[in-house]
Amino acid sequence: MLTIHTADAGDAVAVEGSRIAGVGTLAEVQKRFPDARVRNWPGTLGPARIHEGPLPEAPSPRERIHGVLKLGATAVLERYVDSPDLRAAANRNDVLVLPAPGPTAIAEGERADLAVRDETGACIATVCAGRLVHRRR
C-alpha cells in the first residue's frame, strides 16, 4: 500500500513497499500519488538513525532490537550484534547491521527508513523498510 508520511513542517515522503517513491511538500507528493493513504505526524520527519552504541538492555534479543526501533534507529553497528540470536532478531525486523556508521538520507528509490521526532528529539514514530514499527501513543 502506498503511504505518504508527513509532519508539521509540511515535508512529505511517499512510501511504496520498502522503498521511497517520492519526496517533497505534502501538496507535491499528494499530486503525484492522489490515491495514497496519508499519515500526519506531529513533529519533524527525517531519516532514521544508525544506533552507534550498545543495544538497549532487555530480556530477549527481539526486545533489544525493538528498543533500537523505539529510538528512531533502523540500523545498528555489527560490533554490538554479538550473538546469532541478536543477528536473527535484527534480520527478522529488517534492521540493518552495518560494519561502520555512515550518512543517512531520504531519497527516491532508497530504502524507506524514516523517523519522526518531537521538539525534544524523542522518537514519535519509526518506519523501517517501509513498515511502521514503532509509534508513541
Foldseek 3Di string as FASTA:
>chain_A
DWEWEEEDVQWIWIDDQFFTADTDGPVVVCVVVVPHHYDYDYADKWFFAEDEDAFDDDDALLVSQLSSVQQRHQEYEQVNQPDPRNVVSSVVVQRHHHPDGDDTGHDGPDGDWMFGAHPVSGTQWTAHSRRTSDGDD
